[in-house]
Amino acid sequence: DLSLVGTARKVIAGKDATTIIEGAGSQKEVDARIATITSQIDNASSEYDKEQLEKRRAALSGKVAVIKVGGATETEIEEKKFRVDDAVAATKAALDEGIVPGGGVTLVNLATALDASGSDTTAAGRSILKNALVQPFRQLMQNAGLNAEALLAKVESAKPGHGINVNRPDEGVVDLKSAGVVDPTRVTKEAVQNAVSIAATAMTMGALVVEIPEKEAPAAGGGGMPGGMGMM
């Protein structure tokens, strides 16, 4: 039955998978299939099933991209692959829950809005959280070789969402979303939740294991003669 035969601009058939590019099927039937898969995703009982169904839905809706990673050495390729994996995961998270200004500025804005006044234990907890929220921004500025404290004061007094683009620090305080400096909302939210969870767990313990930095050995003395080797 030729009515069951379709056409496509390109078909790539491999041993394990087949990719159909720009299929010329009925859009109405494709949309109906997408709706069915969306319903299956909502009722999926495991993350694996959900992930596979999302891939199938993306393929039908034409939202599929192939990223090829290359390099001169195996180490370079692996490093690039990790970067690409992180970027893909961040993009998926952004599509699910949106984005917020990046560069640690969203956390600084949260800290600025947090009222840590008072003398009770709750206020003390808010004060600790307020201080912790600005640490990612401080660390990012220090890593970029910038004056973290001076820039933190500028960001705290700026409009929400405005901060420092470390790629162009000379521009001063800018609208980070307009500059393309963003983070997925889910990543920022879960980072705070996980940090608070770990801190709360640590506070219930009797002791913590930490690494004590080693003291630098004193510099060796001048190039004098060793003891017992004086000139005759």
Foldseek 3Di string as FASTA:
>chain_A
DCVVDWDAPDWDDDPPDIAGHHTPDDPVVLVVVLVVLVVCLVVPPDPVSNVVSVVVSCSSVVNDDDDDFDDDDPVRRVVVVVVVVVVVVFVVLCVVANKAAALLLQLLQVLLPQDLDDDDPVSVVNVVSSVVSCVSNLVSCVVLVHDSVVQSVVSSPDDRQWGADSVCRVVPTDNRVVVVRITRPVVVVVVSVVVVVVVVVVVVDPDDDDDDDDDDDDDDDDPDDDPPPDDD
